Amino acid sequence: MARWLLWSGGLALALAAAGFIAIQLSPWPEALFFRYLSDREAARMTRALEKHVPPGTAVQRNVVYDPGDADARLDLYYPTTVESADRLTAIIWIHGGGWISGSKEMVAGYARILAARGYVVAAIGYSLAPAKTYPTPVKQVNAALAFLARNAGRFHIDPARFVLAGDSAGSQIAAQLANIISVPEYSRTVGITPAIAREQLRGAILFCGAYDLSLIKLEGPFHSYLETVLWSYTGVKDFATDRRIAPASVIHYLTQDFPPAFISAGNDDPLLPQSTELADVLAAKGVPVDTLFFPQDHKPALPHEYQFDLDGEAGQLALVRVEAFLGRL
């Protein structure tokens, strides 16, 4: 018995040591754990949205936007009342999930809600980290945009009226692509040729995103998650000192040519400072900015991705404000 206990104890220590080493050498173990937690919460959120989805929308699922990329799929939502000759504003929605989780299906309910109001909504699928790293998702969404522009008539899209939108990590990708389209020098810095001209991009809807990686505090209750997702997405453990990653902090490359933007985050969102800083910088450059922020003591406290909670007044208000913003573009 003593020998068995000694052996089993040694095995447990060896496994623990191996696990610790694995976590130090690769983001995969923690990334998979956080992916599980995030996807579980996303599924709960998706179920809660179902009762708010109105009738009158149709969907085309898993449309291939790049035949050479197994992850290059998108879902298209549009009103069933659309006529063959109709050309509608296209909202290109990029899902969140910390670049390591999530899916285009996660935003299906919200996409249907927007589509019912008279828009074509494309929910974009892209490769997740750590399997693929920055800037792969930005390139993929750009490819999706090119595909939709080429096939605008087929999908009832007005090719002169695109809106980039996203939540959380998707918001960061949307902001980067908006700036790639708007600023030729930035496009060259990132190494991505924009799929559409600036005049075709009418606006950006940005919820709860990260626009300045240097502002992210790698301490406190979220430090392990933040370290894991940033390591996973950038592919570099010491990402803060890697010059190749610098353009991901899009806030340092903005100009007055950025499209009109709607920016929002909850008062209890750890990424709130990212959104307020982005709004301030854009406004200072003369970009039309519409914001929805809340008092610090707002009750109930509004967490990350608050906008998808349409059972709450804040989420309902955000939807009203988004629709008003779209109506002005």
C-alpha atoms as a PDB file:
ATOM      1  CA  MET A   1       0.000   0.000   0.000  1.00  0.00           C
ATOM      2  CA  ALA A   2       2.790   2.423   0.951  1.00  0.00           C
ATOM      3  CA  ARG A   3       4.570   1.672  -2.298  1.00  0.00           C
ATOM      4  CA  TRP A   4       1.331   2.235  -4.243  1.00  0.00           C
ATOM      5  CA  LEU A   5       0.685   5.542  -2.459  1.00  0.00           C
ATOM      6  CA  LEU A   6       4.232   6.652  -3.175  1.00  0.00           C
ATOM      7  CA  TRP A   7       3.882   5.712  -6.836  1.00  0.00           C
ATOM      8  CA  SER A   8       0.472   7.401  -7.262  1.00  0.00           C
ATOM      9  CA  GLY A   9       1.678  10.502  -5.458  1.00  0.00           C
ATOM     10  CA  GLY A  10       4.699  10.703  -7.719  1.00  0.00           C
ATOM     11  CA  LEU A  11       2.507  10.263 -10.781  1.00  0.00           C
ATOM     12  CA  ALA A  12       0.211  13.068  -9.626  1.00  0.00           C
ATOM     13  CA  LEU A  13       3.175  15.362  -9.100  1.00  0.00           C
ATOM     14  CA  ALA A  14       4.579  14.469 -12.503  1.00  0.00           C
ATOM     15  CA  LEU A  15       1.254  15.178 -14.192  1.00  0.00           C
ATOM     16  CA  ALA A  16       0.919  18.468 -12.349  1.00  0.00           C
ATOM     17  CA  ALA A  17       4.440  19.446 -13.369  1.00  0.00           C
ATOM     18  CA  ALA A  18       3.750  18.473 -16.975  1.00  0.00           C
ATOM     19  CA  GLY A  19       0.565  20.527 -16.939  1.00  0.00           C
ATOM     20  CA  PHE A  20       2.383  23.533 -15.524  1.00  0.00           C
ATOM     21  CA  ILE A  21       5.112  23.261 -18.150  1.00  0.00           C
ATOM     22  CA  ALA A  22       2.514  22.917 -20.917  1.00  0.00           C
ATOM     23  CA  ILE A  23       0.758  26.091 -19.769  1.00  0.00           C
ATOM     24  CA  GLN A  24       4.075  27.954 -19.726  1.00  0.00           C
ATOM     25  CA  LEU A  25       5.054  26.788 -23.208  1.00  0.00           C
ATOM     26  CA  SER A  26       1.736  27.015 -25.040  1.00  0.00           C
ATOM     27  CA  PRO A  27      -1.536  28.944 -24.748  1.00  0.00           C
ATOM     28  CA  TRP A  28      -3.523  25.910 -25.883  1.00  0.00           C
ATOM     29  CA  PRO A  29      -4.448  24.342 -22.498  1.00  0.00           C
ATOM     30  CA  GLU A  30      -5.927  27.498 -21.018  1.00  0.00           C
ATOM     31  CA  ALA A  31      -7.332  28.641 -24.356  1.00  0.00           C
ATOM     32  CA  LEU A  32      -9.391  25.460 -24.660  1.00  0.00           C
ATOM     33  CA  PHE A  33     -10.626  25.852 -21.082  1.00  0.00           C
ATOM     34  CA  PHE A  34     -11.673  29.456 -21.640  1.00  0.00           C
ATOM     35  CA  ARG A  35     -13.229  28.520 -24.985  1.00  0.00           C
ATOM     36  CA  TYR A  36     -15.436  26.005 -23.219  1.00  0.00           C
ATOM     37  CA  LEU A  37     -16.580  28.588 -20.657  1.00  0.00           C
ATOM     38  CA  SER A  38     -17.140  31.297 -23.262  1.00  0.00           C
ATOM     39  CA  ASP A  39     -19.069  29.081 -25.646  1.00  0.00           C
ATOM     40  CA  ARG A  40     -21.279  27.874 -22.817  1.00  0.00           C
ATOM     41  CA  GLU A  41     -22.166  31.468 -21.910  1.00  0.00           C
ATOM     42  CA  ALA A  42     -22.695  32.327 -25.590  1.00  0.00           C
ATOM     43  CA  ALA A  43     -25.146  29.437 -25.926  1.00  0.00           C
ATOM     44  CA  ARG A  44     -27.090  30.710 -22.910  1.00  0.00           C
ATOM     45  CA  MET A  45     -27.194  34.205 -24.388  1.00  0.00           C
ATOM     46  CA  THR A  46     -28.357  32.875 -27.763  1.00  0.00           C
ATOM     47  CA  ARG A  47     -31.237  30.983 -26.128  1.00  0.00           C
ATOM     48  CA  ALA A  48     -32.280  34.097 -24.185  1.00  0.00           C
ATOM     49  CA  LEU A  49     -32.433  36.133 -27.416  1.00  0.00           C
ATOM     50  CA  GLU A  50     -34.761  33.711 -29.191  1.00  0.00           C
ATOM     51  CA  LYS A  51     -37.962  35.155 -27.751  1.00  0.00           C
ATOM     52  CA  HIS A  52     -37.039  38.601 -29.061  1.00  0.00           C
ATOM     53  CA  VAL A  53     -36.543  37.502 -32.668  1.00  0.00           C
ATOM     54  CA  PRO A  54     -39.460  38.674 -34.825  1.00  0.00           C
ATOM     55  CA  PRO A  55     -40.864  36.718 -37.759  1.00  0.00           C
ATOM     56  CA  GLY A  56     -40.165  37.742 -41.296  1.00  0.00           C
ATOM     57  CA  THR A  57     -36.500  36.915 -41.846  1.00  0.00           C
ATOM     58  CA  ALA A  58     -34.775  34.380 -44.068  1.00  0.00           C
ATOM     59  CA  VAL A  59     -31.268  32.963 -43.878  1.00  0.00           C
ATOM     60  CA  GLN A  60     -28.663  31.427 -46.163  1.00  0.00           C
ATOM     61  CA  ARG A  61     -26.246  29.437 -44.024  1.00  0.00           C
ATOM     62  CA  ASN A  62     -22.621  28.522 -44.573  1.00  0.00           C
ATOM     63  CA  VAL A  63     -22.081  30.528 -47.725  1.00  0.00           C
ATOM     64  CA  VAL A  64     -18.481  29.980 -48.830  1.00  0.00           C
ATOM     65  CA  TYR A  65     -16.669  33.283 -49.259  1.00  0.00           C
ATOM     66  CA  ASP A  66     -13.201  31.818 -49.925  1.00  0.00           C
ATOM     67  CA  PRO A  67     -13.083  28.329 -51.472  1.00  0.00           C
ATOM     68  CA  GLY A  68      -9.455  27.895 -50.407  1.00  0.00           C
ATOM     69  CA  ASP A  69     -10.187  28.411 -46.698  1.00  0.00           C
ATOM     70  CA  ALA A  70     -12.133  25.807 -44.709  1.00  0.00           C
ATOM     71  CA  ASP A  71     -13.100  28.423 -42.111  1.00  0.00           C
ATOM     72  CA  ALA A  72     -14.357  30.949 -44.657  1.00  0.00           C
ATOM     73  CA  ARG A  73     -18.116  30.650 -44.180  1.00  0.00           C
ATOM     74  CA  LEU A  74     -20.787  33.254 -43.530  1.00  0.00           C
ATOM     75  CA  ASP A  75     -24.500  33.322 -42.808  1.00  0.00           C
ATOM     76  CA  LEU A  76     -26.764  35.851 -44.542  1.00  0.00           C
ATOM     77  CA  TYR A  77     -29.978  37.180 -42.990  1.00  0.00           C
ATOM     78  CA  TYR A  78     -32.470  39.371 -44.823  1.00  0.00           C
ATOM     79  CA  PRO A  79     -36.176  40.307 -44.625  1.00  0.00           C
ATOM     80  CA  THR A  80     -38.536  37.927 -46.356  1.00  0.00           C
ATOM     81  CA  THR A  81     -40.278  40.921 -47.914  1.00  0.00           C
ATOM     82  CA  VAL A  82     -37.226  41.772 -50.007  1.00  0.00           C
ATOM     83  CA  GLU A  83     -37.923  42.003 -53.731  1.00  0.00           C
ATOM     84  CA  SER A  84     -35.522  40.757 -56.386  1.00  0.00           C
ATOM     85  CA  ALA A  85     -34.606  44.297 -57.401  1.00  0.00           C
ATOM     86  CA  ASP A  86     -34.159  45.583 -53.826  1.00  0.00           C
ATOM     87  CA  ARG A  87     -30.688  46.673 -52.717  1.00  0.00           C
ATOM     88  CA  LEU A  88     -30.282  47.026 -48.953  1.00  0.00           C
ATOM     89  CA  THR A  89     -27.596  48.291 -46.613  1.00  0.00           C
ATOM     90  CA  ALA A  90     -25.358  45.368 -45.596  1.00  0.00           C
ATOM     91  CA  ILE A  91     -24.271  45.022 -41.972  1.00  0.00           C
ATOM     92  CA  ILE A  92     -21.143  42.886 -41.719  1.00  0.00           C
ATOM     93  CA  TRP A  93     -21.220  41.500 -38.168  1.00  0.00           C
ATOM     94  CA  ILE A  94     -18.065  39.953 -36.686  1.00  0.00           C
ATOM     95  CA  HIS A  95     -18.660  37.841 -33.594  1.00  0.00           C
ATOM     96  CA  GLY A  96     -16.743  38.075 -30.345  1.00  0.00           C
ATOM     97  CA  GLY A  97     -15.182  35.463 -28.121  1.00  0.00           C
ATOM     98  CA  GLY A  98     -11.731  36.801 -27.291  1.00  0.00           C
ATOM     99  CA  TRP A  99     -10.406  35.592 -30.676  1.00  0.00           C
ATOM    100  CA  ILE A 100     -10.311  32.062 -29.199  1.00  0.00           C
ATOM    101  CA  SER A 101     -14.013  31.163 -29.124  1.00  0.00           C
ATOM    102  CA  GLY A 102     -17.418  32.060 -30.482  1.00  0.00           C
ATOM    103  CA  SER A 103     -19.021  31.485 -33.851  1.00  0.00           C
ATOM    104  CA  LYS A 104     -21.194  33.180 -36.424  1.00  0.00           C
ATOM    105  CA  GLU A 105     -24.152  31.261 -34.994  1.00  0.00           C
ATOM    106  CA  MET A 106     -23.647  33.112 -31.710  1.00  0.00           C
ATOM    107  CA  VAL A 107     -25.035  36.317 -33.234  1.00  0.00           C
ATOM    108  CA  ALA A 108     -27.845  34.682 -35.218  1.00  0.00           C
ATOM    109  CA  GLY A 109     -30.615  36.105 -33.037  1.00  0.00           C
ATOM    110  CA  TYR A 110     -29.280  39.648 -33.116  1.00  0.00           C
ATOM    111  CA  ALA A 111     -28.684  39.378 -36.857  1.00  0.00           C
ATOM    112  CA  ARG A 112     -32.301  38.325 -37.394  1.00  0.00           C
ATOM    113  CA  ILE A 113     -33.541  41.230 -35.311  1.00  0.00           C
ATOM    114  CA  LEU A 114     -31.566  43.704 -37.435  1.00  0.00           C
ATOM    115  CA  ALA A 115     -32.528  41.986 -40.693  1.00  0.00           C
ATOM    116  CA  ALA A 116     -36.213  42.276 -39.782  1.00  0.00           C
ATOM    117  CA  ARG A 117     -35.697  46.049 -39.710  1.00  0.00           C
ATOM    118  CA  GLY A 118     -34.746  46.114 -43.375  1.00  0.00           C
ATOM    119  CA  TYR A 119     -31.075  45.182 -43.628  1.00  0.00           C
ATOM    120  CA  VAL A 120     -28.985  42.387 -45.045  1.00  0.00           C
ATOM    121  CA  VAL A 121     -26.850  41.083 -42.180  1.00  0.00           C
ATOM    122  CA  ALA A 122     -23.817  38.912 -42.864  1.00  0.00           C
ATOM    123  CA  ALA A 123     -22.522  37.018 -39.822  1.00  0.00           C
ATOM    124  CA  ILE A 124     -18.912  36.206 -40.610  1.00  0.00           C
ATOM    125  CA  GLY A 125     -17.124  33.036 -39.577  1.00  0.00           C
ATOM    126  CA  TYR A 126     -13.355  33.262 -39.142  1.00  0.00           C
ATOM    127  CA  SER A 127     -10.488  31.139 -37.824  1.00  0.00           C
ATOM    128  CA  LEU A 128      -9.987  30.993 -34.073  1.00  0.00           C
ATOM    129  CA  ALA A 129      -6.741  31.268 -32.140  1.00  0.00           C
ATOM    130  CA  PRO A 130      -4.412  29.670 -31.199  1.00  0.00           C
ATOM    131  CA  ALA A 131      -4.808  27.579 -34.391  1.00  0.00           C
ATOM    132  CA  LYS A 132      -4.606  30.754 -36.478  1.00  0.00           C
ATOM    133  CA  THR A 133      -3.090  34.012 -35.314  1.00  0.00           C
ATOM    134  CA  TYR A 134      -3.205  37.728 -36.068  1.00  0.00           C
ATOM    135  CA  PRO A 135      -3.897  39.095 -38.635  1.00  0.00           C
ATOM    136  CA  THR A 136      -5.631  36.043 -40.166  1.00  0.00           C
ATOM    137  CA  PRO A 137      -9.187  37.001 -39.045  1.00  0.00           C
ATOM    138  CA  VAL A 138      -8.751  40.541 -40.396  1.00  0.00           C
ATOM    139  CA  LYS A 139      -7.721  39.111 -43.776  1.00  0.00           C
ATOM    140  CA  GLN A 140     -10.667  36.703 -43.712  1.00  0.00           C
ATOM    141  CA  VAL A 141     -13.263  39.384 -42.985  1.00  0.00           C
ATOM    142  CA  ASN A 142     -11.728  41.501 -45.750  1.00  0.00           C
ATOM    143  CA  ALA A 143     -12.117  38.511 -48.083  1.00  0.00           C
ATOM    144  CA  ALA A 144     -15.748  38.140 -46.994  1.00  0.00           C
ATOM    145  CA  LEU A 145     -16.320  41.797 -47.761  1.00  0.00           C
ATOM    146  CA  ALA A 146     -14.794  41.379 -51.219  1.00  0.00           C
ATOM    147  CA  PHE A 147     -17.035  38.376 -51.873  1.00  0.00           C
ATOM    148  CA  LEU A 148     -20.169  40.246 -50.818  1.00  0.00           C
ATOM    149  CA  ALA A 149     -19.245  43.266 -52.935  1.00  0.00           C
ATOM    150  CA  ARG A 150     -18.721  41.037 -55.981  1.00  0.00           C
ATOM    151  CA  ASN A 151     -22.039  39.278 -55.394  1.00  0.00           C
ATOM    152  CA  ALA A 152     -24.052  42.253 -54.185  1.00  0.00           C
ATOM    153  CA  GLY A 153     -26.913  41.763 -56.623  1.00  0.00           C
ATOM    154  CA  ARG A 154     -27.223  38.067 -55.773  1.00  0.00           C
ATOM    155  CA  PHE A 155     -27.666  38.895 -52.069  1.00  0.00           C
ATOM    156  CA  HIS A 156     -29.869  42.046 -52.367  1.00  0.00           C
ATOM    157  CA  ILE A 157     -26.974  44.242 -51.190  1.00  0.00           C
ATOM    158  CA  ASP A 158     -26.408  47.865 -52.141  1.00  0.00           C
ATOM    159  CA  PRO A 159     -22.646  47.781 -52.884  1.00  0.00           C
ATOM    160  CA  ALA A 160     -22.383  51.455 -51.913  1.00  0.00           C
ATOM    161  CA  ARG A 161     -23.730  50.843 -48.405  1.00  0.00           C
ATOM    162  CA  PHE A 162     -21.642  48.581 -46.172  1.00  0.00           C
ATOM    163  CA  VAL A 163     -21.483  48.876 -42.370  1.00  0.00           C
ATOM    164  CA  LEU A 164     -18.846  47.018 -40.359  1.00  0.00           C
ATOM    165  CA  ALA A 165     -20.036  45.851 -36.950  1.00  0.00           C
ATOM    166  CA  GLY A 166     -18.764  43.646 -34.177  1.00  0.00           C
ATOM    167  CA  ASP A 167     -18.749  42.795 -30.520  1.00  0.00           C
ATOM    168  CA  SER A 168     -15.741  42.256 -28.245  1.00  0.00           C
ATOM    169  CA  ALA A 169     -12.940  40.677 -30.307  1.00  0.00           C
ATOM    170  CA  GLY A 170     -15.125  41.122 -33.378  1.00  0.00           C
ATOM    171  CA  SER A 171     -15.294  44.829 -32.650  1.00  0.00           C
ATOM    172  CA  GLN A 172     -11.502  45.035 -32.660  1.00  0.00           C
ATOM    173  CA  ILE A 173     -11.397  43.250 -36.018  1.00  0.00           C
ATOM    174  CA  ALA A 174     -14.122  45.543 -37.381  1.00  0.00           C
ATOM    175  CA  ALA A 175     -12.274  48.666 -36.234  1.00  0.00           C
ATOM    176  CA  GLN A 176      -9.035  47.466 -37.820  1.00  0.00           C
ATOM    177  CA  LEU A 177     -10.686  46.678 -41.124  1.00  0.00           C
ATOM    178  CA  ALA A 178     -12.537  50.008 -41.103  1.00  0.00           C
ATOM    179  CA  ASN A 179      -9.201  51.765 -40.714  1.00  0.00           C
ATOM    180  CA  ILE A 180      -7.561  49.620 -43.401  1.00  0.00           C
ATOM    181  CA  ILE A 181     -10.314  50.751 -45.778  1.00  0.00           C
ATOM    182  CA  SER A 182     -10.020  54.374 -44.656  1.00  0.00           C
ATOM    183  CA  VAL A 183      -6.272  54.996 -44.371  1.00  0.00           C
ATOM    184  CA  PRO A 184      -3.971  53.831 -47.213  1.00  0.00           C
ATOM    185  CA  GLU A 185      -0.832  54.174 -45.085  1.00  0.00           C
ATOM    186  CA  TYR A 186      -2.326  51.958 -42.393  1.00  0.00           C
ATOM    187  CA  SER A 187      -3.392  49.451 -45.044  1.00  0.00           C
ATOM    188  CA  ARG A 188       0.210  49.238 -46.205  1.00  0.00           C
ATOM    189  CA  THR A 189       1.456  48.905 -42.616  1.00  0.00           C
ATOM    190  CA  VAL A 190      -0.850  45.961 -41.935  1.00  0.00           C
ATOM    191  CA  GLY A 191      -0.222  44.479 -45.382  1.00  0.00           C
ATOM    192  CA  ILE A 192      -3.881  44.094 -46.356  1.00  0.00           C
ATOM    193  CA  THR A 193      -5.362  45.627 -49.497  1.00  0.00           C
ATOM    194  CA  PRO A 194      -8.900  46.825 -48.720  1.00  0.00           C
ATOM    195  CA  ALA A 195     -11.703  44.966 -50.453  1.00  0.00           C
ATOM    196  CA  ILE A 196     -13.879  48.041 -50.955  1.00  0.00           C
ATOM    197  CA  ALA A 197     -13.374  51.768 -51.410  1.00  0.00           C
ATOM    198  CA  ARG A 198     -13.801  54.162 -48.501  1.00  0.00           C
ATOM    199  CA  GLU A 199     -16.981  55.664 -50.003  1.00  0.00           C
ATOM    200  CA  GLN A 200     -18.630  52.233 -49.878  1.00  0.00           C
ATOM    201  CA  LEU A 201     -18.114  52.006 -46.115  1.00  0.00           C
ATOM    202  CA  ARG A 202     -20.864  54.032 -44.458  1.00  0.00           C
ATOM    203  CA  GLY A 203     -20.238  53.344 -40.792  1.00  0.00           C
ATOM    204  CA  ALA A 204     -19.003  51.137 -37.957  1.00  0.00           C
ATOM    205  CA  ILE A 205     -20.882  49.705 -34.979  1.00  0.00           C
ATOM    206  CA  LEU A 206     -18.450  48.805 -32.195  1.00  0.00           C
ATOM    207  CA  PHE A 207     -19.537  47.095 -28.980  1.00  0.00           C
ATOM    208  CA  CYS A 208     -17.242  46.310 -26.051  1.00  0.00           C
ATOM    209  CA  GLY A 209     -14.019  46.069 -28.030  1.00  0.00           C
ATOM    210  CA  ALA A 210     -10.270  46.331 -27.433  1.00  0.00           C
ATOM    211  CA  TYR A 211      -8.612  49.005 -29.546  1.00  0.00           C
ATOM    212  CA  ASP A 212      -5.390  49.648 -27.616  1.00  0.00           C
ATOM    213  CA  LEU A 213      -3.666  46.486 -26.416  1.00  0.00           C
ATOM    214  CA  SER A 214      -1.251  48.545 -24.322  1.00  0.00           C
ATOM    215  CA  LEU A 215      -4.172  49.690 -22.161  1.00  0.00           C
ATOM    216  CA  ILE A 216      -5.191  46.152 -21.202  1.00  0.00           C
ATOM    217  CA  LYS A 217      -4.291  45.562 -17.571  1.00  0.00           C
ATOM    218  CA  LEU A 218      -2.752  42.118 -17.134  1.00  0.00           C
ATOM    219  CA  GLU A 219      -3.561  41.922 -13.454  1.00  0.00           C
ATOM    220  CA  GLY A 220      -6.674  41.537 -11.347  1.00  0.00           C
ATOM    221  CA  PRO A 221      -9.416  38.906 -11.655  1.00  0.00           C
ATOM    222  CA  PHE A 222      -9.204  38.669 -15.459  1.00  0.00           C
ATOM    223  CA  HIS A 223      -5.418  38.540 -15.817  1.00  0.00           C
ATOM    224  CA  SER A 224      -5.180  34.839 -16.680  1.00  0.00           C
ATOM    225  CA  TYR A 225      -7.887  35.107 -19.331  1.00  0.00           C
ATOM    226  CA  LEU A 226      -6.409  38.260 -20.867  1.00  0.00           C
ATOM    227  CA  GLU A 227      -2.899  36.837 -20.982  1.00  0.00           C
ATOM    228  CA  THR A 228      -4.185  33.661 -22.612  1.00  0.00           C
ATOM    229  CA  VAL A 229      -6.304  35.293 -25.300  1.00  0.00           C
ATOM    230  CA  LEU A 230      -3.650  37.843 -26.246  1.00  0.00           C
ATOM    231  CA  TRP A 231      -0.923  35.217 -26.398  1.00  0.00           C
ATOM    232  CA  SER A 232      -3.245  32.986 -28.423  1.00  0.00           C
ATOM    233  CA  TYR A 233      -4.253  35.674 -30.901  1.00  0.00           C
ATOM    234  CA  THR A 234      -0.886  37.323 -31.403  1.00  0.00           C
ATOM    235  CA  GLY A 235       1.091  34.088 -31.316  1.00  0.00           C
ATOM    236  CA  VAL A 236       3.647  35.840 -29.101  1.00  0.00           C
ATOM    237  CA  LYS A 237       3.824  35.458 -25.337  1.00  0.00           C
ATOM    238  CA  ASP A 238       5.544  38.817 -24.923  1.00  0.00           C
ATOM    239  CA  PHE A 239       3.191  40.504 -27.376  1.00  0.00           C
ATOM    240  CA  ALA A 240       3.572  43.956 -25.820  1.00  0.00           C
ATOM    241  CA  THR A 241       7.120  44.325 -27.176  1.00  0.00           C
ATOM    242  CA  ASP A 242       6.566  42.748 -30.596  1.00  0.00           C
ATOM    243  CA  ARG A 243       6.458  45.455 -33.253  1.00  0.00           C
ATOM    244  CA  ARG A 244       4.560  43.189 -35.644  1.00  0.00           C
ATOM    245  CA  ILE A 245       1.574  43.292 -33.289  1.00  0.00           C
ATOM    246  CA  ALA A 246       1.559  47.075 -32.882  1.00  0.00           C
ATOM    247  CA  PRO A 247      -0.985  47.756 -35.681  1.00  0.00           C
ATOM    248  CA  ALA A 248      -3.567  45.686 -33.783  1.00  0.00           C
ATOM    249  CA  SER A 249      -3.798  48.694 -31.451  1.00  0.00           C
ATOM    250  CA  VAL A 250      -5.740  50.545 -34.105  1.00  0.00           C
ATOM    251  CA  ILE A 251      -6.307  53.591 -31.916  1.00  0.00           C
ATOM    252  CA  HIS A 252      -2.767  54.810 -32.654  1.00  0.00           C
ATOM    253  CA  TYR A 253      -3.379  54.873 -36.421  1.00  0.00           C
ATOM    254  CA  LEU A 254      -6.710  56.688 -36.708  1.00  0.00           C
ATOM    255  CA  THR A 255      -7.356  59.701 -38.914  1.00  0.00           C
ATOM    256  CA  GLN A 256     -10.300  61.931 -39.753  1.00  0.00           C
ATOM    257  CA  ASP A 257     -11.174  59.502 -42.550  1.00  0.00           C
ATOM    258  CA  PHE A 258     -12.486  56.798 -40.200  1.00  0.00           C
ATOM    259  CA  PRO A 259     -16.195  56.216 -40.923  1.00  0.00           C
ATOM    260  CA  PRO A 260     -18.973  57.477 -38.630  1.00  0.00           C
ATOM    261  CA  ALA A 261     -19.051  55.221 -35.582  1.00  0.00           C
ATOM    262  CA  PHE A 262     -21.445  54.050 -32.915  1.00  0.00           C
ATOM    263  CA  ILE A 263     -19.480  52.975 -29.820  1.00  0.00           C
ATOM    264  CA  SER A 264     -20.797  51.422 -26.618  1.00  0.00           C
ATOM    265  CA  ALA A 265     -19.824  49.350 -23.589  1.00  0.00           C
ATOM    266  CA  GLY A 266     -21.344  48.596 -20.196  1.00  0.00           C
ATOM    267  CA  ASN A 267     -20.344  50.380 -17.004  1.00  0.00           C
ATOM    268  CA  ASP A 268     -19.047  47.104 -15.508  1.00  0.00           C
ATOM    269  CA  ASP A 269     -17.141  46.010 -18.598  1.00  0.00           C
ATOM    270  CA  PRO A 270     -13.378  45.701 -17.928  1.00  0.00           C
ATOM    271  CA  LEU A 271     -12.839  46.940 -21.495  1.00  0.00           C
ATOM    272  CA  LEU A 272     -14.915  50.095 -20.991  1.00  0.00           C
ATOM    273  CA  PRO A 273     -11.808  52.379 -21.005  1.00  0.00           C
ATOM    274  CA  GLN A 274     -10.985  51.060 -24.474  1.00  0.00           C
ATOM    275  CA  SER A 275     -14.338  52.248 -25.831  1.00  0.00           C
ATOM    276  CA  THR A 276     -14.263  55.646 -24.145  1.00  0.00           C
ATOM    277  CA  GLU A 277     -10.721  56.274 -25.379  1.00  0.00           C
ATOM    278  CA  LEU A 278     -11.669  55.306 -28.934  1.00  0.00           C
ATOM    279  CA  ALA A 279     -14.670  57.636 -28.852  1.00  0.00           C
ATOM    280  CA  ASP A 280     -12.548  60.508 -27.534  1.00  0.00           C
ATOM    281  CA  VAL A 281      -9.794  60.039 -30.123  1.00  0.00           C
ATOM    282  CA  LEU A 282     -12.230  59.814 -33.038  1.00  0.00           C
ATOM    283  CA  ALA A 283     -14.198  62.842 -31.866  1.00  0.00           C
ATOM    284  CA  ALA A 284     -10.982  64.852 -31.510  1.00  0.00           C
ATOM    285  CA  LYS A 285     -10.160  64.042 -35.138  1.00  0.00           C
ATOM    286  CA  GLY A 286     -13.562  65.256 -36.294  1.00  0.00           C
ATOM    287  CA  VAL A 287     -15.122  61.848 -36.990  1.00  0.00           C
ATOM    288  CA  PRO A 288     -18.893  61.727 -36.332  1.00  0.00           C
ATOM    289  CA  VAL A 289     -19.259  59.569 -33.211  1.00  0.00           C
ATOM    290  CA  ASP A 290     -22.410  58.405 -31.456  1.00  0.00           C
ATOM    291  CA  THR A 291     -21.803  56.849 -28.047  1.00  0.00           C
ATOM    292  CA  LEU A 292     -23.864  54.982 -25.507  1.00  0.00           C
ATOM    293  CA  PHE A 293     -22.161  54.862 -22.116  1.00  0.00           C
ATOM    294  CA  PHE A 294     -23.718  54.646 -18.669  1.00  0.00           C
ATOM    295  CA  PRO A 295     -23.101  56.259 -15.276  1.00  0.00           C
ATOM    296  CA  GLN A 296     -20.476  54.516 -13.176  1.00  0.00           C
ATOM    297  CA  ASP A 297     -23.101  53.687 -10.543  1.00  0.00           C
ATOM    298  CA  HIS A 298     -25.690  52.390 -13.031  1.00  0.00           C
ATOM    299  CA  LYS A 299     -27.797  49.570 -11.596  1.00  0.00           C
ATOM    300  CA  PRO A 300     -27.868  46.837 -12.533  1.00  0.00           C
ATOM    301  CA  ALA A 301     -24.183  46.884 -13.424  1.00  0.00           C
ATOM    302  CA  LEU A 302     -23.817  46.238 -17.155  1.00  0.00           C
ATOM    303  CA  PRO A 303     -21.227  43.578 -18.010  1.00  0.00           C
ATOM    304  CA  HIS A 304     -19.236  42.834 -21.125  1.00  0.00           C
ATOM    305  CA  GLU A 305     -21.593  42.206 -24.064  1.00  0.00           C
ATOM    306  CA  TYR A 306     -24.538  43.796 -22.228  1.00  0.00           C
ATOM    307  CA  GLN A 307     -26.154  44.713 -25.562  1.00  0.00           C
ATOM    308  CA  PHE A 308     -27.268  41.145 -26.247  1.00  0.00           C
ATOM    309  CA  ASP A 309     -29.442  41.105 -23.105  1.00  0.00           C
ATOM    310  CA  LEU A 310     -32.725  42.312 -24.547  1.00  0.00           C
ATOM    311  CA  ASP A 311     -34.536  41.380 -21.339  1.00  0.00           C
ATOM    312  CA  GLY A 312     -32.867  44.433 -19.801  1.00  0.00           C
ATOM    313  CA  GLU A 313     -33.610  48.107 -20.477  1.00  0.00           C
ATOM    314  CA  ALA A 314     -29.988  48.882 -21.380  1.00  0.00           C
ATOM    315  CA  GLY A 315     -29.884  46.223 -24.103  1.00  0.00           C
ATOM    316  CA  GLN A 316     -33.186  47.473 -25.499  1.00  0.00           C
ATOM    317  CA  LEU A 317     -31.879  51.039 -25.499  1.00  0.00           C
ATOM    318  CA  ALA A 318     -28.705  49.947 -27.304  1.00  0.00           C
ATOM    319  CA  LEU A 319     -30.789  48.348 -30.052  1.00  0.00           C
ATOM    320  CA  VAL A 320     -32.866  51.500 -30.459  1.00  0.00           C
ATOM    321  CA  ARG A 321     -29.711  53.591 -30.672  1.00  0.00           C
ATOM    322  CA  VAL A 322     -28.121  51.236 -33.210  1.00  0.00           C
ATOM    323  CA  GLU A 323     -31.193  51.461 -35.405  1.00  0.00           C
ATOM    324  CA  ALA A 324     -31.202  55.275 -35.128  1.00  0.00           C
ATOM    325  CA  PHE A 325     -27.496  55.360 -36.042  1.00  0.00           C
ATOM    326  CA  LEU A 326     -28.100  53.175 -39.098  1.00  0.00           C
ATOM    327  CA  GLY A 327     -30.970  55.396 -40.147  1.00  0.00           C
ATOM    328  CA  ARG A 328     -28.663  58.423 -40.290  1.00  0.00           C
ATOM    329  CA  LEU A 329     -26.029  56.811 -42.534  1.00  0.00           C
END
